[in-house]
Every structure is written in C-alpha cells, then in structure tokens.
C-alpha cells in the first residue's frame, strides 16, 4: 500500500468517493456542480485542505482529507480528518489504518497539537475503529448552521 497526497488528476476519483460517502452515511445526493469545484479548490490550495490517498496495485483504495483549526488553548494546530472513504473492494484490508497512521506521523512531524474527527452518533463500527487507533470520545457535540 502506498499513501500519497492527491493531485488535480485525482479530483474525479475524490468527487466519486465523496458522492458515495454521502450516500452511504447520510443518504444524501451531493450536487456534483458544487462538489467538483470544491474538491479542485482543496487540491489547489493546501491552506484549504489536503487529501491523502491510499493506493493498492495502482488503484486508489481510500481517502481522507485534512483541514486545520488553530487552537489558542494549545497554541497549536489541530488536524481535522474529514471525507474518509474506503472503496468497497478494499474494505477490511487496513486502508484507513494506513491512512490514519501516515497522517498521525505527518501531524507529529509538523508539531500539531492533535488530531480530531467527527463521527455519526450511530456509526459504532467507525467509532470502534477510531478507538483502536488511539482516539477517544470527547465531551463535545458538533452544532452547525449551513448557509
């Protein structure tokens, strides 16, 4: 397995994975006219986000995206994991674990204060995976207003 940072040539695959992710986890149909330029903008500007891809035998097997949040409390950068997706044919083969371990090491080397992600309340399988990798549940709930 090879972990690498996505390039603009990966934009269609990432958009496809994000479409599947939204459908599988939230039964949402994403608007490709919004999604595709959003993926492109993230790839073009590392200050927005960075996609990491896992490849097996030259095929993209999974992805995750990192965004950053400054923590004044910790005087450090928090890396947020988002847009996690592993293609069905590659599940249960350690793809997410490899991505997570790669990102965790990159975060450590950069001096980041920590890694966070949000997970669906009912997605016990994902929560168990994250715990096995060393993450723990926080007392916070996420609230939002989509504009």
N, C-alpha and C. Protein backbone atom coordinates (compact mmCIF):
# COMPACT_ATOMS: atom_id res chain seq x y z
N UNK A 1 0.85 -1.18 0.00
CA UNK A 1 0.00 0.00 0.00
C UNK A 1 0.89 1.24 0.00
N UNK A 2 0.49 2.20 -0.78
CA UNK A 2 1.21 3.47 -0.89
C UNK A 2 0.27 4.60 -0.50
N UNK A 3 0.75 5.50 0.36
CA UNK A 3 -0.02 6.68 0.76
C UNK A 3 0.63 7.89 0.09
N UNK A 4 -0.21 8.73 -0.51
CA UNK A 4 0.31 9.92 -1.18
C UNK A 4 -0.70 11.06 -1.07
N UNK A 5 -0.22 12.26 -1.36
CA UNK A 5 -1.08 13.44 -1.41
C UNK A 5 -1.72 13.49 -2.78
N UNK A 6 -3.00 13.83 -2.82
CA UNK A 6 -3.74 13.89 -4.07
C UNK A 6 -3.25 15.03 -4.95
N UNK A 7 -3.40 14.82 -6.26
CA UNK A 7 -3.13 15.86 -7.25
C UNK A 7 -4.44 16.14 -7.99
N UNK A 8 -4.42 17.15 -8.83
CA UNK A 8 -5.62 17.52 -9.57
C UNK A 8 -6.12 16.36 -10.45
N UNK A 9 -5.23 15.47 -10.86
CA UNK A 9 -5.63 14.30 -11.65
C UNK A 9 -6.52 13.34 -10.84
N UNK A 10 -6.52 13.48 -9.53
CA UNK A 10 -7.33 12.62 -8.66
C UNK A 10 -8.71 13.21 -8.36
N UNK A 11 -8.99 14.39 -8.86
CA UNK A 11 -10.22 15.11 -8.47
C UNK A 11 -11.49 14.32 -8.77
N UNK A 12 -11.56 13.67 -9.92
CA UNK A 12 -12.77 12.92 -10.26
C UNK A 12 -12.96 11.75 -9.31
N UNK A 13 -11.89 11.04 -9.00
CA UNK A 13 -11.98 9.91 -8.06
C UNK A 13 -12.43 10.40 -6.69
N UNK A 14 -11.86 11.49 -6.23
CA UNK A 14 -12.22 12.03 -4.92
C UNK A 14 -13.69 12.45 -4.92
N UNK A 15 -14.13 13.11 -5.97
CA UNK A 15 -15.54 13.51 -6.06
C UNK A 15 -16.44 12.27 -6.06
N UNK A 16 -16.05 11.23 -6.79
CA UNK A 16 -16.82 9.98 -6.79
C UNK A 16 -16.88 9.38 -5.39
N UNK A 17 -15.74 9.31 -4.70
CA UNK A 17 -15.71 8.77 -3.34
C UNK A 17 -16.58 9.61 -2.41
N UNK A 18 -16.52 10.94 -2.52
CA UNK A 18 -17.33 11.79 -1.66
C UNK A 18 -18.82 11.59 -1.93
N UNK A 19 -19.17 11.38 -3.20
CA UNK A 19 -20.56 11.11 -3.55
C UNK A 19 -21.04 9.82 -2.90
N UNK A 20 -20.21 8.79 -2.98
CA UNK A 20 -20.56 7.51 -2.34
C UNK A 20 -20.63 7.63 -0.82
N UNK A 21 -19.67 8.36 -0.25
CA UNK A 21 -19.64 8.57 1.19
C UNK A 21 -20.93 9.22 1.68
N UNK A 22 -21.35 10.29 1.03
CA UNK A 22 -22.56 11.00 1.44
C UNK A 22 -23.78 10.10 1.31
N UNK A 23 -23.83 9.32 0.25
CA UNK A 23 -24.97 8.41 0.05
C UNK A 23 -24.98 7.30 1.10
N UNK A 24 -23.82 6.67 1.34
CA UNK A 24 -23.76 5.55 2.28
C UNK A 24 -23.99 5.97 3.72
N UNK A 25 -23.49 7.13 4.12
CA UNK A 25 -23.55 7.51 5.54
C UNK A 25 -24.76 8.36 5.90
N UNK A 26 -25.19 9.22 4.97
CA UNK A 26 -26.27 10.16 5.30
C UNK A 26 -27.42 10.12 4.30
N UNK A 27 -27.35 9.21 3.34
CA UNK A 27 -28.38 9.10 2.30
C UNK A 27 -28.59 10.43 1.58
N UNK A 28 -27.49 11.15 1.35
CA UNK A 28 -27.53 12.43 0.67
C UNK A 28 -27.04 12.27 -0.77
N UNK A 29 -27.63 13.04 -1.66
CA UNK A 29 -27.16 13.13 -3.04
C UNK A 29 -26.46 14.47 -3.17
N UNK A 30 -25.13 14.44 -3.30
CA UNK A 30 -24.38 15.68 -3.41
C UNK A 30 -24.53 16.27 -4.81
N UNK A 31 -24.51 17.58 -4.88
CA UNK A 31 -24.57 18.30 -6.14
C UNK A 31 -23.17 18.31 -6.75
N UNK A 32 -22.98 17.57 -7.84
CA UNK A 32 -21.66 17.47 -8.46
C UNK A 32 -21.17 18.82 -8.96
N UNK A 33 -22.08 19.71 -9.34
CA UNK A 33 -21.69 21.04 -9.82
C UNK A 33 -21.05 21.86 -8.70
N UNK A 34 -21.35 21.55 -7.47
CA UNK A 34 -20.72 22.20 -6.31
C UNK A 34 -19.53 21.39 -5.83
N UNK A 35 -19.69 20.08 -5.76
CA UNK A 35 -18.66 19.19 -5.23
C UNK A 35 -17.37 19.24 -6.04
N UNK A 36 -17.47 19.11 -7.34
CA UNK A 36 -16.25 19.02 -8.16
C UNK A 36 -15.36 20.26 -8.05
N UNK A 37 -15.92 21.48 -8.15
CA UNK A 37 -15.03 22.63 -7.93
C UNK A 37 -14.53 22.72 -6.48
N UNK A 38 -15.32 22.21 -5.54
CA UNK A 38 -14.88 22.20 -4.14
C UNK A 38 -13.68 21.30 -3.94
N UNK A 39 -13.71 20.14 -4.55
CA UNK A 39 -12.55 19.23 -4.49
C UNK A 39 -11.35 19.88 -5.17
N UNK A 40 -11.58 20.45 -6.33
CA UNK A 40 -10.49 21.11 -7.05
C UNK A 40 -9.87 22.25 -6.27
N UNK A 41 -10.70 23.03 -5.59
CA UNK A 41 -10.20 24.15 -4.78
C UNK A 41 -9.33 23.64 -3.63
N UNK A 42 -9.75 22.54 -3.01
CA UNK A 42 -8.96 21.97 -1.91
C UNK A 42 -7.61 21.46 -2.40
N UNK A 43 -7.62 20.78 -3.54
CA UNK A 43 -6.36 20.26 -4.08
C UNK A 43 -5.43 21.40 -4.46
N UNK A 44 -5.98 22.46 -5.00
CA UNK A 44 -5.17 23.58 -5.47
C UNK A 44 -4.60 24.44 -4.34
N UNK A 45 -5.23 24.40 -3.17
CA UNK A 45 -4.83 25.28 -2.07
C UNK A 45 -4.70 24.50 -0.77
N UNK A 46 -3.46 24.11 -0.40
CA UNK A 46 -3.26 23.34 0.83
C UNK A 46 -3.71 24.05 2.10
N UNK A 47 -3.93 25.36 2.05
CA UNK A 47 -4.46 26.05 3.22
C UNK A 47 -5.93 25.71 3.43
N UNK A 48 -6.61 25.29 2.37
CA UNK A 48 -8.00 24.85 2.50
C UNK A 48 -8.05 23.43 3.03
N UNK A 49 -7.31 22.53 2.41
CA UNK A 49 -7.35 21.12 2.80
C UNK A 49 -6.27 20.35 2.05
N UNK A 50 -6.00 19.15 2.54
CA UNK A 50 -5.10 18.21 1.86
C UNK A 50 -5.76 16.85 1.85
N UNK A 51 -5.86 16.26 0.67
CA UNK A 51 -6.37 14.89 0.55
C UNK A 51 -5.19 13.93 0.54
N UNK A 52 -5.30 12.88 1.34
CA UNK A 52 -4.35 11.78 1.32
C UNK A 52 -5.06 10.58 0.71
N UNK A 53 -4.37 9.91 -0.20
CA UNK A 53 -4.94 8.75 -0.87
C UNK A 53 -4.10 7.51 -0.57
N UNK A 54 -4.79 6.39 -0.43
CA UNK A 54 -4.12 5.09 -0.29
C UNK A 54 -4.30 4.36 -1.61
N UNK A 55 -3.20 3.85 -2.13
CA UNK A 55 -3.24 3.08 -3.37
C UNK A 55 -2.82 1.64 -3.12
N UNK A 56 -3.51 0.74 -3.77
CA UNK A 56 -3.15 -0.68 -3.76
C UNK A 56 -3.12 -1.12 -5.21
N UNK A 57 -1.99 -1.68 -5.62
CA UNK A 57 -1.81 -2.13 -7.00
C UNK A 57 -2.17 -1.03 -8.00
N UNK A 58 -1.79 0.21 -7.69
CA UNK A 58 -2.01 1.32 -8.59
C UNK A 58 -3.42 1.87 -8.61
N UNK A 59 -4.31 1.33 -7.79
CA UNK A 59 -5.70 1.81 -7.73
C UNK A 59 -5.92 2.55 -6.42
N UNK A 60 -6.67 3.65 -6.50
CA UNK A 60 -6.99 4.40 -5.28
C UNK A 60 -7.99 3.58 -4.47
N UNK A 61 -7.58 3.20 -3.27
CA UNK A 61 -8.39 2.34 -2.41
C UNK A 61 -9.15 3.13 -1.37
N UNK A 62 -8.62 4.28 -0.98
CA UNK A 62 -9.27 5.06 0.05
C UNK A 62 -8.71 6.46 0.13
N UNK A 63 -9.41 7.29 0.88
CA UNK A 63 -9.01 8.69 1.02
C UNK A 63 -9.36 9.21 2.40
N UNK A 64 -8.69 10.28 2.76
CA UNK A 64 -9.13 11.14 3.85
C UNK A 64 -8.64 12.54 3.55
N UNK A 65 -9.34 13.50 4.09
CA UNK A 65 -8.98 14.90 3.89
C UNK A 65 -8.64 15.52 5.24
N UNK A 66 -7.61 16.36 5.24
CA UNK A 66 -7.22 17.08 6.45
C UNK A 66 -7.51 18.56 6.27
N UNK A 67 -8.19 19.13 7.26
CA UNK A 67 -8.31 20.59 7.37
C UNK A 67 -7.69 20.98 8.70
N UNK A 68 -7.45 22.27 8.87
CA UNK A 68 -6.73 22.74 10.06
C UNK A 68 -7.55 23.73 10.86
N UNK A 69 -7.37 23.65 12.17
CA UNK A 69 -8.01 24.58 13.11
C UNK A 69 -6.93 25.05 14.08
N UNK A 70 -6.80 26.35 14.24
CA UNK A 70 -5.85 26.87 15.21
C UNK A 70 -6.47 26.80 16.61
N UNK A 71 -5.72 26.26 17.57
CA UNK A 71 -6.18 26.20 18.96
C UNK A 71 -5.35 27.17 19.79
N UNK A 72 -5.98 28.26 20.22
CA UNK A 72 -5.27 29.18 21.10
C UNK A 72 -5.03 28.54 22.46
N UNK A 73 -5.91 27.66 22.88
CA UNK A 73 -5.74 26.98 24.17
C UNK A 73 -4.48 26.11 24.19
N UNK A 74 -4.15 25.55 23.05
CA UNK A 74 -2.99 24.65 22.97
C UNK A 74 -1.81 25.30 22.26
N UNK A 75 -2.03 26.52 21.76
CA UNK A 75 -1.01 27.21 20.96
C UNK A 75 -0.49 26.28 19.87
N UNK A 76 -1.45 25.63 19.19
CA UNK A 76 -1.06 24.68 18.16
C UNK A 76 -2.18 24.38 17.19
N UNK A 77 -1.80 23.73 16.14
CA UNK A 77 -2.68 23.37 15.04
C UNK A 77 -3.37 22.03 15.34
N UNK A 78 -4.68 21.99 15.14
CA UNK A 78 -5.42 20.73 15.24
C UNK A 78 -5.73 20.27 13.81
N UNK A 79 -5.42 19.04 13.52
CA UNK A 79 -5.70 18.46 12.21
C UNK A 79 -7.05 17.76 12.29
N UNK A 80 -7.99 18.15 11.45
CA UNK A 80 -9.31 17.54 11.38
C UNK A 80 -9.35 16.56 10.22
N UNK A 81 -9.71 15.33 10.52
CA UNK A 81 -9.90 14.31 9.48
C UNK A 81 -11.34 14.40 9.00
N UNK A 82 -11.50 14.48 7.69
CA UNK A 82 -12.82 14.54 7.08
C UNK A 82 -12.82 13.71 5.80
N UNK A 83 -13.98 13.56 5.21
CA UNK A 83 -14.13 12.89 3.91
C UNK A 83 -13.41 11.54 3.85
N UNK A 84 -13.58 10.76 4.90
CA UNK A 84 -12.97 9.42 4.95
C UNK A 84 -13.81 8.47 4.10
N UNK A 85 -13.15 7.79 3.19
CA UNK A 85 -13.85 6.79 2.39
C UNK A 85 -12.88 5.72 1.94
N UNK A 86 -13.31 4.48 2.07
CA UNK A 86 -12.57 3.33 1.55
C UNK A 86 -13.49 2.62 0.57
N UNK A 87 -13.00 2.42 -0.64
CA UNK A 87 -13.79 1.75 -1.68
C UNK A 87 -14.17 0.35 -1.21
N UNK A 88 -15.37 -0.07 -1.57
CA UNK A 88 -15.93 -1.34 -1.08
C UNK A 88 -15.00 -2.52 -1.31
N UNK A 89 -14.34 -2.58 -2.45
CA UNK A 89 -13.45 -3.71 -2.77
C UNK A 89 -12.22 -3.78 -1.87
N UNK A 90 -11.93 -2.69 -1.16
CA UNK A 90 -10.71 -2.63 -0.36
C UNK A 90 -10.96 -2.57 1.14
N UNK A 91 -12.21 -2.70 1.55
CA UNK A 91 -12.52 -2.61 2.97
C UNK A 91 -12.01 -3.84 3.71
N UNK A 92 -11.73 -3.61 4.99
CA UNK A 92 -11.23 -4.66 5.90
C UNK A 92 -9.82 -5.12 5.51
N UNK A 93 -9.06 -4.21 4.87
CA UNK A 93 -7.69 -4.52 4.46
C UNK A 93 -6.68 -3.54 5.05
N UNK A 94 -7.11 -2.77 6.06
CA UNK A 94 -6.19 -1.85 6.73
C UNK A 94 -5.96 -0.53 6.02
N UNK A 95 -6.83 -0.18 5.08
CA UNK A 95 -6.64 1.05 4.31
C UNK A 95 -6.77 2.27 5.21
N UNK A 96 -7.86 2.36 5.98
CA UNK A 96 -8.00 3.53 6.85
C UNK A 96 -6.88 3.57 7.88
N UNK A 97 -6.53 2.44 8.44
CA UNK A 97 -5.45 2.40 9.44
C UNK A 97 -4.16 2.96 8.84
N UNK A 98 -3.83 2.57 7.63
CA UNK A 98 -2.62 3.07 6.98
C UNK A 98 -2.70 4.57 6.75
N UNK A 99 -3.85 5.04 6.29
CA UNK A 99 -4.03 6.48 6.09
C UNK A 99 -3.88 7.23 7.42
N UNK A 100 -4.54 6.72 8.46
CA UNK A 100 -4.51 7.38 9.76
C UNK A 100 -3.08 7.42 10.32
N UNK A 101 -2.39 6.32 10.26
CA UNK A 101 -1.03 6.27 10.79
C UNK A 101 -0.10 7.22 10.02
N UNK A 102 -0.29 7.30 8.72
CA UNK A 102 0.51 8.22 7.90
C UNK A 102 0.24 9.66 8.31
N UNK A 103 -1.03 10.01 8.45
CA UNK A 103 -1.41 11.37 8.82
C UNK A 103 -0.97 11.69 10.24
N UNK A 104 -1.11 10.73 11.14
CA UNK A 104 -0.68 10.96 12.53
C UNK A 104 0.82 11.28 12.57
N UNK A 105 1.61 10.56 11.81
CA UNK A 105 3.05 10.82 11.78
C UNK A 105 3.35 12.18 11.16
N UNK A 106 2.65 12.53 10.09
CA UNK A 106 2.83 13.85 9.48
C UNK A 106 2.45 14.96 10.46
N UNK A 107 1.37 14.75 11.20
CA UNK A 107 0.94 15.74 12.19
C UNK A 107 1.99 15.90 13.29
N UNK A 108 2.52 14.78 13.76
CA UNK A 108 3.58 14.84 14.79
C UNK A 108 4.79 15.61 14.28
N UNK A 109 5.22 15.28 13.06
CA UNK A 109 6.40 15.94 12.50
C UNK A 109 6.18 17.44 12.31
N UNK A 110 4.94 17.84 12.06
CA UNK A 110 4.65 19.26 11.85
C UNK A 110 4.51 20.03 13.16
N UNK A 111 4.46 19.30 14.29
CA UNK A 111 4.26 19.94 15.58
C UNK A 111 2.81 20.18 15.93
N UNK A 112 1.89 19.52 15.24
CA UNK A 112 0.46 19.69 15.51
C UNK A 112 0.14 19.35 16.96
N UNK A 113 -0.89 19.99 17.47
CA UNK A 113 -1.33 19.75 18.85
C UNK A 113 -2.20 18.51 18.97
N UNK A 114 -2.85 18.09 17.88
CA UNK A 114 -3.71 16.92 17.96
C UNK A 114 -4.44 16.66 16.66
N UNK A 115 -5.17 15.57 16.66
CA UNK A 115 -5.98 15.15 15.52
C UNK A 115 -7.40 14.95 16.01
N UNK A 116 -8.35 15.43 15.22
CA UNK A 116 -9.77 15.28 15.57
C UNK A 116 -10.55 14.80 14.35
N UNK A 117 -11.71 14.27 14.63
CA UNK A 117 -12.68 13.98 13.57
C UNK A 117 -14.05 13.94 14.19
N UNK A 118 -15.06 14.01 13.36
CA UNK A 118 -16.41 13.81 13.85
C UNK A 118 -16.94 12.54 13.22
N UNK A 119 -17.84 11.89 13.94
CA UNK A 119 -18.36 10.60 13.51
C UNK A 119 -19.85 10.57 13.80
N UNK A 120 -20.60 9.93 12.92
CA UNK A 120 -22.03 9.78 13.14
C UNK A 120 -22.27 9.06 14.47
N UNK A 121 -23.22 9.56 15.22
CA UNK A 121 -23.53 9.02 16.54
C UNK A 121 -23.81 7.51 16.53
N UNK A 122 -24.49 7.03 15.49
CA UNK A 122 -24.88 5.62 15.42
C UNK A 122 -23.83 4.74 14.73
N UNK A 123 -22.77 5.31 14.24
CA UNK A 123 -21.77 4.53 13.50
C UNK A 123 -20.77 3.90 14.47
N UNK A 124 -21.25 2.87 15.16
CA UNK A 124 -20.43 2.21 16.17
C UNK A 124 -19.20 1.53 15.57
N UNK A 125 -19.35 1.00 14.37
CA UNK A 125 -18.22 0.34 13.71
C UNK A 125 -17.06 1.32 13.51
N UNK A 126 -17.37 2.51 13.02
CA UNK A 126 -16.33 3.52 12.82
C UNK A 126 -15.74 3.96 14.17
N UNK A 127 -16.60 4.16 15.16
CA UNK A 127 -16.12 4.57 16.48
C UNK A 127 -15.16 3.53 17.05
N UNK A 128 -15.48 2.26 16.89
CA UNK A 128 -14.60 1.19 17.37
C UNK A 128 -13.24 1.24 16.65
N UNK A 129 -13.27 1.48 15.36
CA UNK A 129 -12.03 1.58 14.58
C UNK A 129 -11.19 2.74 15.10
N UNK A 130 -11.80 3.89 15.30
CA UNK A 130 -11.06 5.07 15.76
C UNK A 130 -10.47 4.84 17.15
N UNK A 131 -11.22 4.18 18.02
CA UNK A 131 -10.70 3.89 19.36
C UNK A 131 -9.48 2.96 19.29
N UNK A 132 -9.55 1.96 18.43
CA UNK A 132 -8.43 1.01 18.29
C UNK A 132 -7.16 1.72 17.84
N UNK A 133 -7.31 2.83 17.14
CA UNK A 133 -6.15 3.58 16.66
C UNK A 133 -5.66 4.61 17.67
N UNK A 134 -6.33 4.70 18.83
CA UNK A 134 -5.86 5.58 19.90
C UNK A 134 -6.69 6.83 20.13
N UNK A 135 -7.77 6.99 19.38
CA UNK A 135 -8.62 8.16 19.58
C UNK A 135 -9.59 7.90 20.72
N UNK A 136 -10.12 8.98 21.30
CA UNK A 136 -11.11 8.83 22.35
C UNK A 136 -12.24 9.83 22.11
N UNK A 137 -13.39 9.51 22.66
CA UNK A 137 -14.57 10.35 22.54
C UNK A 137 -14.37 11.61 23.38
N UNK A 138 -14.80 12.74 22.86
CA UNK A 138 -14.73 13.99 23.61
C UNK A 138 -16.11 14.30 24.19
N UNK A 139 -16.18 15.25 25.10
CA UNK A 139 -17.49 15.62 25.65
C UNK A 139 -18.26 16.59 24.75
N UNK A 140 -17.69 16.96 23.61
CA UNK A 140 -18.30 17.96 22.74
C UNK A 140 -19.29 17.36 21.76
N UNK A 141 -20.31 18.12 21.43
CA UNK A 141 -21.21 17.83 20.32
C UNK A 141 -20.95 18.88 19.26
N UNK A 142 -21.14 18.52 18.01
CA UNK A 142 -20.95 19.47 16.92
C UNK A 142 -22.30 20.08 16.57
N UNK A 143 -22.32 21.40 16.48
CA UNK A 143 -23.52 22.11 16.03
C UNK A 143 -23.14 22.87 14.78
N UNK A 144 -24.14 23.15 13.92
CA UNK A 144 -23.83 23.87 12.71
C UNK A 144 -25.05 24.64 12.20
N UNK A 145 -24.75 25.58 11.35
CA UNK A 145 -25.76 26.27 10.56
C UNK A 145 -25.18 26.36 9.16
N UNK A 146 -25.77 25.66 8.23
CA UNK A 146 -25.30 25.68 6.84
C UNK A 146 -25.91 26.89 6.16
N UNK A 147 -25.06 27.71 5.57
CA UNK A 147 -25.52 28.94 4.92
C UNK A 147 -25.61 28.79 3.41
